[in-house]
N, C-alpha and C. Protein backbone atom coordinates (compact mmCIF):
# COMPACT_ATOMS: atom_id res chain seq x y z
N MET A 1 -8.49 -8.40 -12.77
CA MET A 1 -7.67 -9.29 -13.62
C MET A 1 -8.49 -9.51 -15.01
N TRP A 2 -9.82 -9.60 -14.90
CA TRP A 2 -10.49 -9.96 -15.97
C TRP A 2 -10.47 -8.73 -16.93
N ILE A 3 -10.24 -7.51 -16.60
CA ILE A 3 -10.19 -6.35 -17.61
C ILE A 3 -8.86 -6.51 -18.27
N LEU A 4 -7.89 -7.01 -17.70
CA LEU A 4 -6.50 -7.14 -18.67
C LEU A 4 -6.92 -8.27 -19.57
N SER A 5 -7.62 -9.44 -19.37
CA SER A 5 -7.86 -10.41 -20.27
C SER A 5 -8.65 -9.76 -21.44
N LEU A 6 -9.71 -9.09 -21.02
CA LEU A 6 -10.52 -8.26 -21.97
C LEU A 6 -9.71 -7.52 -22.88
N ILE A 7 -8.79 -6.69 -22.41
CA ILE A 7 -7.97 -5.82 -23.24
C ILE A 7 -7.16 -6.71 -24.15
N VAL A 8 -6.69 -7.81 -23.50
CA VAL A 8 -5.83 -8.75 -24.59
C VAL A 8 -6.62 -9.39 -25.61
N LEU A 9 -7.74 -9.69 -25.29
CA LEU A 9 -8.96 -10.34 -26.20
C LEU A 9 -9.22 -9.32 -27.24
N ALA A 10 -9.56 -8.04 -26.91
CA ALA A 10 -9.79 -7.00 -28.02
C ALA A 10 -8.66 -6.73 -28.90
N ALA A 11 -7.34 -6.73 -28.28
CA ALA A 11 -6.24 -6.57 -29.06
C ALA A 11 -6.07 -7.62 -30.05
N MET A 12 -6.19 -8.95 -29.57
CA MET A 12 -6.08 -10.00 -30.41
C MET A 12 -7.00 -10.07 -31.50
N ILE A 13 -8.34 -9.63 -31.19
CA ILE A 13 -9.23 -9.63 -32.34
C ILE A 13 -9.02 -8.58 -33.34
N PHE A 14 -8.45 -7.45 -32.94
CA PHE A 14 -8.06 -6.32 -33.71
C PHE A 14 -6.78 -6.77 -34.58
N ALA A 15 -5.89 -7.53 -34.03
CA ALA A 15 -4.62 -7.89 -34.71
C ALA A 15 -5.03 -8.90 -35.77
N ILE A 16 -6.06 -9.81 -35.42
CA ILE A 16 -6.40 -10.79 -36.36
C ILE A 16 -7.03 -10.29 -37.68
N VAL A 17 -7.94 -9.28 -37.19
CA VAL A 17 -8.84 -8.68 -38.42
C VAL A 17 -7.70 -7.75 -39.32
N ASP A 18 -6.71 -7.14 -38.53
CA ASP A 18 -5.63 -6.51 -39.26
C ASP A 18 -4.95 -7.42 -40.27
N ILE A 19 -4.53 -8.45 -39.62
CA ILE A 19 -3.74 -9.45 -40.53
C ILE A 19 -4.56 -9.98 -41.69
N VAL A 20 -5.74 -10.27 -41.49
CA VAL A 20 -6.58 -10.93 -42.59
C VAL A 20 -6.90 -9.75 -43.60
N ARG A 21 -7.03 -8.60 -43.31
CA ARG A 21 -7.47 -7.55 -44.20
C ARG A 21 -6.27 -7.02 -45.00
N ARG A 22 -5.06 -7.03 -44.41
CA ARG A 22 -3.74 -6.59 -45.04
C ARG A 22 -3.38 -7.43 -46.27
N ASP A 23 -2.88 -6.78 -47.23
CA ASP A 23 -2.41 -7.24 -48.56
C ASP A 23 -1.11 -8.03 -48.22
N ASP A 24 -1.03 -9.20 -48.93
CA ASP A 24 0.45 -10.04 -48.68
C ASP A 24 1.66 -9.16 -48.84
N SER A 25 1.55 -8.13 -49.65
CA SER A 25 2.69 -7.40 -49.89
C SER A 25 3.06 -6.49 -48.66
N GLN A 26 2.17 -6.38 -47.61
CA GLN A 26 2.28 -5.43 -46.53
C GLN A 26 2.64 -6.25 -45.45
N VAL A 27 2.86 -7.50 -45.54
CA VAL A 27 3.14 -8.37 -44.34
C VAL A 27 4.60 -8.60 -44.47
N LYS A 28 5.39 -8.49 -43.27
CA LYS A 28 6.76 -8.76 -43.35
C LYS A 28 7.14 -10.13 -42.45
N LEU A 29 8.26 -10.49 -42.84
CA LEU A 29 8.87 -11.73 -42.15
C LEU A 29 8.42 -13.00 -42.21
N MET A 30 7.14 -13.12 -42.11
CA MET A 30 6.38 -14.40 -42.22
C MET A 30 5.05 -14.32 -43.09
N PRO A 31 4.65 -15.38 -43.58
CA PRO A 31 3.34 -15.34 -44.32
C PRO A 31 2.22 -14.92 -43.25
N LYS A 32 1.12 -14.62 -43.89
CA LYS A 32 -0.15 -14.18 -42.98
C LYS A 32 -0.55 -15.30 -42.06
N ALA A 33 -0.55 -16.51 -42.63
CA ALA A 33 -1.08 -17.85 -41.79
C ALA A 33 -0.17 -18.04 -40.49
N LEU A 34 1.20 -17.86 -40.69
CA LEU A 34 2.02 -17.92 -39.51
C LEU A 34 1.69 -16.89 -38.64
N TRP A 35 1.45 -15.63 -39.04
CA TRP A 35 1.15 -14.65 -38.06
C TRP A 35 -0.16 -14.67 -37.35
N LEU A 36 -1.14 -15.24 -38.09
CA LEU A 36 -2.39 -15.68 -37.42
C LEU A 36 -2.14 -16.72 -36.28
N ILE A 37 -1.50 -17.77 -36.65
CA ILE A 37 -1.18 -18.75 -35.57
C ILE A 37 -0.46 -18.23 -34.51
N LEU A 38 0.62 -17.34 -34.70
CA LEU A 38 1.28 -16.81 -33.70
C LEU A 38 0.44 -15.91 -32.69
N VAL A 39 -0.44 -15.05 -33.26
CA VAL A 39 -1.42 -14.22 -32.47
C VAL A 39 -2.30 -15.09 -31.70
N ILE A 40 -2.80 -16.22 -32.36
CA ILE A 40 -3.80 -16.87 -31.63
C ILE A 40 -3.02 -17.85 -30.63
N LEU A 41 -1.98 -18.45 -30.89
CA LEU A 41 -1.44 -19.27 -29.77
C LEU A 41 -0.72 -18.54 -28.56
N VAL A 42 -0.07 -17.48 -28.98
CA VAL A 42 0.68 -16.66 -27.92
C VAL A 42 0.19 -15.20 -28.15
N PRO A 43 -1.05 -14.98 -27.57
CA PRO A 43 -1.70 -13.65 -27.95
C PRO A 43 -0.80 -12.45 -27.65
N LEU A 44 -0.34 -12.28 -26.33
CA LEU A 44 0.30 -11.05 -25.81
C LEU A 44 1.58 -10.87 -26.80
N ILE A 45 2.45 -11.77 -26.84
CA ILE A 45 3.66 -11.71 -27.63
C ILE A 45 3.33 -11.59 -29.03
N GLY A 46 2.42 -12.25 -29.61
CA GLY A 46 2.08 -12.20 -30.94
C GLY A 46 1.57 -10.91 -31.35
N ILE A 47 0.74 -10.36 -30.45
CA ILE A 47 0.14 -9.00 -30.89
C ILE A 47 1.38 -7.98 -30.88
N VAL A 48 2.12 -7.94 -29.95
CA VAL A 48 3.26 -7.05 -29.98
C VAL A 48 4.15 -7.18 -31.16
N LEU A 49 4.51 -8.39 -31.50
CA LEU A 49 5.44 -8.76 -32.60
C LEU A 49 4.72 -8.14 -33.94
N TRP A 50 3.38 -8.44 -34.06
CA TRP A 50 2.70 -8.16 -35.21
C TRP A 50 2.78 -6.65 -35.46
N PHE A 51 2.50 -5.94 -34.49
CA PHE A 51 2.39 -4.44 -34.63
C PHE A 51 3.78 -3.73 -34.72
N ALA A 52 4.70 -4.44 -33.98
CA ALA A 52 6.12 -3.90 -33.93
C ALA A 52 6.92 -4.20 -35.31
N ILE A 53 6.92 -5.45 -35.78
CA ILE A 53 7.74 -5.84 -36.91
C ILE A 53 6.86 -6.71 -37.98
N GLY A 54 5.77 -7.05 -37.88
CA GLY A 54 5.09 -7.91 -38.91
C GLY A 54 4.31 -7.10 -39.86
N ARG A 55 4.03 -5.88 -39.90
CA ARG A 55 3.22 -5.17 -40.80
C ARG A 55 4.08 -4.09 -41.19
N GLU A 56 3.79 -3.51 -42.53
CA GLU A 56 4.26 -2.40 -42.96
C GLU A 56 3.37 -1.06 -42.77
N TYR A 57 3.81 -0.07 -42.35
CA TYR A 57 3.14 1.13 -41.88
C TYR A 57 3.19 1.97 -43.09
N PRO A 58 2.17 2.83 -43.45
CA PRO A 58 2.34 3.94 -44.61
C PRO A 58 3.31 4.94 -44.33
N GLU A 59 3.78 5.40 -45.45
CA GLU A 59 4.90 6.53 -45.29
C GLU A 59 4.34 7.63 -44.46
N GLN A 60 5.19 8.16 -43.67
CA GLN A 60 4.82 9.39 -42.86
C GLN A 60 4.77 10.51 -43.64
N VAL A 61 3.64 11.33 -43.51
CA VAL A 61 3.58 12.56 -44.29
C VAL A 61 4.23 13.48 -43.63
N SER A 62 5.22 14.28 -44.29
CA SER A 62 5.95 15.31 -43.58
C SER A 62 5.14 16.67 -43.66
N TRP A 63 5.02 17.37 -42.73
CA TRP A 63 4.15 18.57 -42.71
C TRP A 63 4.96 19.77 -43.43
N PRO A 64 4.49 20.41 -44.15
CA PRO A 64 5.06 21.59 -44.83
C PRO A 64 5.70 22.48 -43.87
N ARG A 65 7.00 23.02 -44.23
CA ARG A 65 7.57 24.07 -43.34
C ARG A 65 6.86 25.37 -43.54
N PRO A 66 6.84 26.05 -42.54
CA PRO A 66 6.22 27.38 -42.64
C PRO A 66 7.16 28.38 -43.49
N ARG A 67 6.49 29.13 -44.33
CA ARG A 67 7.31 30.04 -45.36
C ARG A 67 7.41 31.31 -44.55
N ALA A 68 8.54 32.03 -44.97
CA ALA A 68 8.62 33.43 -44.60
C ALA A 68 7.67 34.27 -45.07
N PRO A 69 7.11 35.31 -44.32
CA PRO A 69 6.15 36.13 -44.74
C PRO A 69 6.71 36.91 -45.99
N ARG A 70 5.70 37.17 -46.76
CA ARG A 70 5.95 37.95 -47.94
C ARG A 70 5.15 39.10 -48.23
N ALA A 71 5.37 40.02 -49.05
CA ALA A 71 4.60 41.29 -49.29
C ALA A 71 3.19 40.70 -49.81
N ALA A 72 2.15 41.35 -49.43
CA ALA A 72 0.82 41.03 -49.79
C ALA A 72 0.57 41.46 -51.42
N THR A 73 0.59 40.33 -52.10
CA THR A 73 0.29 40.67 -53.46
C THR A 73 -0.93 39.82 -53.88
N ALA A 74 -1.23 40.02 -55.16
CA ALA A 74 -2.33 39.25 -55.74
C ALA A 74 -1.85 37.72 -55.81
N ALA A 75 -2.89 36.83 -55.72
CA ALA A 75 -2.41 35.49 -55.71
C ALA A 75 -2.08 35.16 -57.11
N PRO A 76 -1.07 34.26 -57.37
CA PRO A 76 -0.54 33.88 -58.61
C PRO A 76 -1.59 33.23 -59.43
N PRO A 77 -1.45 33.27 -60.80
CA PRO A 77 -2.52 32.62 -61.62
C PRO A 77 -2.49 31.33 -61.31
N ALA A 78 -3.75 30.68 -61.38
CA ALA A 78 -3.95 29.25 -61.05
C ALA A 78 -3.53 28.39 -62.32
N PRO A 79 -3.10 27.26 -62.14
CA PRO A 79 -2.86 26.43 -63.36
C PRO A 79 -4.09 26.07 -64.20
N SER A 80 -4.03 26.04 -65.30
CA SER A 80 -5.09 25.77 -66.16
C SER A 80 -6.05 24.77 -65.90
N GLY A 81 -5.39 23.64 -64.97
CA GLY A 81 -6.13 22.35 -64.80
C GLY A 81 -7.39 22.64 -63.83
N GLY A 82 -7.46 23.52 -62.98
CA GLY A 82 -8.34 23.67 -62.05
C GLY A 82 -8.82 25.06 -61.59
N PRO A 83 -9.61 25.20 -60.67
CA PRO A 83 -9.89 26.52 -60.11
C PRO A 83 -8.83 27.31 -59.38
N ALA A 84 -8.96 28.50 -59.34
CA ALA A 84 -7.92 29.37 -58.84
C ALA A 84 -7.89 29.13 -57.34
N ARG A 85 -6.79 29.09 -56.75
CA ARG A 85 -6.55 28.84 -55.33
C ARG A 85 -5.82 29.91 -54.70
N ASP A 86 -6.19 30.50 -53.63
CA ASP A 86 -5.65 31.49 -52.85
C ASP A 86 -4.58 31.04 -52.14
N THR A 87 -3.46 31.42 -52.27
CA THR A 87 -2.13 30.83 -51.56
C THR A 87 -1.64 31.82 -50.43
N ARG A 88 -2.41 32.84 -50.23
CA ARG A 88 -2.17 33.89 -49.13
C ARG A 88 -2.40 33.25 -47.76
N THR A 89 -1.51 33.61 -46.71
CA THR A 89 -1.99 33.05 -45.34
C THR A 89 -3.26 33.98 -44.84
N THR A 90 -3.75 33.35 -43.82
CA THR A 90 -4.94 34.10 -43.26
C THR A 90 -4.62 35.50 -42.78
N GLU A 91 -3.49 35.71 -42.30
CA GLU A 91 -3.15 37.01 -41.80
C GLU A 91 -2.98 38.05 -43.05
N GLN A 92 -2.45 37.41 -44.12
CA GLN A 92 -2.35 38.20 -45.34
C GLN A 92 -3.76 38.52 -45.94
N GLN A 93 -4.68 37.57 -45.90
CA GLN A 93 -5.96 37.83 -46.46
C GLN A 93 -6.67 38.81 -45.46
N LEU A 94 -6.71 38.66 -44.25
CA LEU A 94 -7.20 39.78 -43.38
C LEU A 94 -6.61 41.10 -43.66
N ALA A 95 -5.44 41.32 -43.59
CA ALA A 95 -4.74 42.72 -43.98
C ALA A 95 -5.17 43.06 -45.22
N ASP A 96 -5.35 42.36 -46.26
CA ASP A 96 -5.88 42.79 -47.57
C ASP A 96 -7.36 43.29 -47.60
N LEU A 97 -8.11 42.58 -46.73
CA LEU A 97 -9.52 42.91 -46.54
C LEU A 97 -9.58 44.22 -45.80
N GLU A 98 -8.85 44.36 -44.75
CA GLU A 98 -8.83 45.68 -43.97
C GLU A 98 -8.37 46.91 -44.83
N ARG A 99 -7.43 46.62 -45.82
CA ARG A 99 -7.06 47.66 -46.59
C ARG A 99 -8.26 48.02 -47.62
N GLU A 100 -8.90 46.95 -48.11
CA GLU A 100 -10.04 47.22 -48.92
C GLU A 100 -11.14 47.97 -48.28
N ILE A 101 -11.49 47.73 -47.13
CA ILE A 101 -12.44 48.29 -46.38
C ILE A 101 -12.06 49.74 -46.04
N GLU A 102 -10.81 50.12 -45.73
CA GLU A 102 -10.26 51.47 -45.59
C GLU A 102 -10.33 52.16 -46.89
N GLU A 103 -10.03 51.44 -48.06
CA GLU A 103 -10.05 52.15 -49.26
C GLU A 103 -11.54 52.58 -49.77
N ASP A 104 -12.45 51.67 -49.37
CA ASP A 104 -13.98 51.84 -49.69
C ASP A 104 -14.41 53.00 -48.82
N ARG A 105 -14.01 53.15 -47.64
CA ARG A 105 -14.36 54.15 -46.71
C ARG A 105 -13.96 55.63 -47.07
N LEU A 106 -12.65 55.61 -47.58
CA LEU A 106 -12.02 56.82 -48.10
C LEU A 106 -12.68 57.29 -49.34
N ARG A 107 -12.95 56.47 -50.21
CA ARG A 107 -13.67 56.66 -51.46
C ARG A 107 -15.13 57.31 -51.14
N ALA A 108 -15.77 56.68 -50.24
CA ALA A 108 -17.01 57.15 -49.77
C ALA A 108 -16.95 58.53 -49.28
N GLU A 109 -15.90 58.70 -48.47
CA GLU A 109 -15.73 60.17 -47.91
C GLU A 109 -15.33 61.09 -48.96
N LEU A 110 -14.53 60.73 -49.97
CA LEU A 110 -14.28 61.62 -51.00
C LEU A 110 -15.43 62.09 -51.88
N ALA A 111 -16.27 61.01 -52.14
CA ALA A 111 -17.42 61.20 -52.92
C ALA A 111 -18.46 62.22 -52.09
N ARG A 112 -18.50 61.99 -50.87
CA ARG A 112 -19.44 62.79 -50.09
C ARG A 112 -18.79 64.28 -50.01
N ARG A 113 -17.43 64.43 -49.90
CA ARG A 113 -16.96 65.79 -49.96
C ARG A 113 -17.08 66.54 -51.28
N ARG A 114 -16.99 65.68 -52.28
CA ARG A 114 -17.14 66.28 -53.65
C ARG A 114 -18.45 66.73 -53.90
N ALA A 115 -19.52 65.87 -53.37
CA ALA A 115 -20.93 66.29 -53.49
C ALA A 115 -21.21 67.51 -52.69
N GLU A 116 -20.71 67.61 -51.49
CA GLU A 116 -20.98 68.93 -50.63
C GLU A 116 -20.30 70.11 -51.38
N ARG A 117 -19.11 69.93 -52.02
CA ARG A 117 -18.46 71.04 -52.61
C ARG A 117 -19.16 71.49 -53.96
N GLY A 118 -19.76 70.51 -54.49
CA GLY A 118 -20.57 70.67 -55.79
C GLY A 118 -21.81 71.40 -55.45
N ASP A 119 -22.46 71.07 -54.35
CA ASP A 119 -23.78 71.58 -53.86
C ASP A 119 -23.59 73.04 -53.34
N GLY A 120 -22.40 73.17 -52.68
CA GLY A 120 -22.07 74.57 -52.11
C GLY A 120 -21.69 75.56 -53.22
N SER A 121 -21.06 75.10 -54.32
CA SER A 121 -20.62 76.27 -55.36
C SER A 121 -21.97 76.48 -56.13
N ARG A 122 -22.91 75.66 -56.20
CA ARG A 122 -24.17 76.09 -57.01
C ARG A 122 -25.03 77.08 -56.28
N ALA A 123 -24.90 76.93 -54.94
CA ALA A 123 -25.74 77.90 -53.91
C ALA A 123 -25.23 79.23 -54.09
N SER A 124 -23.89 79.48 -54.44
CA SER A 124 -23.32 80.74 -54.30
C SER A 124 -23.59 81.65 -55.49
């Protein structure tokens, strides 16, 4: 039973601190002083009412919707106000990196073959 009392006491302290720190414009229905009296005199009901209807909560942030995949292209130019930002997804970045690695490997192979062909023609 003492654990329940401890939980109510902790919630009451949390609610009191929240009421005191909250700006008057964020308190609904009653002035802050009346909310404090309610939370202190009738702790369990006061706490529930405070967090349910007494305070304003910040606007909920809506998560961006996933975009449909698009062809891997160069990142659009960044606005002049800040550094360039890569807008490609991780999968697009990895695919581009794999293409670059394959291109470098093919160029090295082509350079090696040209060097062999050039050395072989001089020997004949």
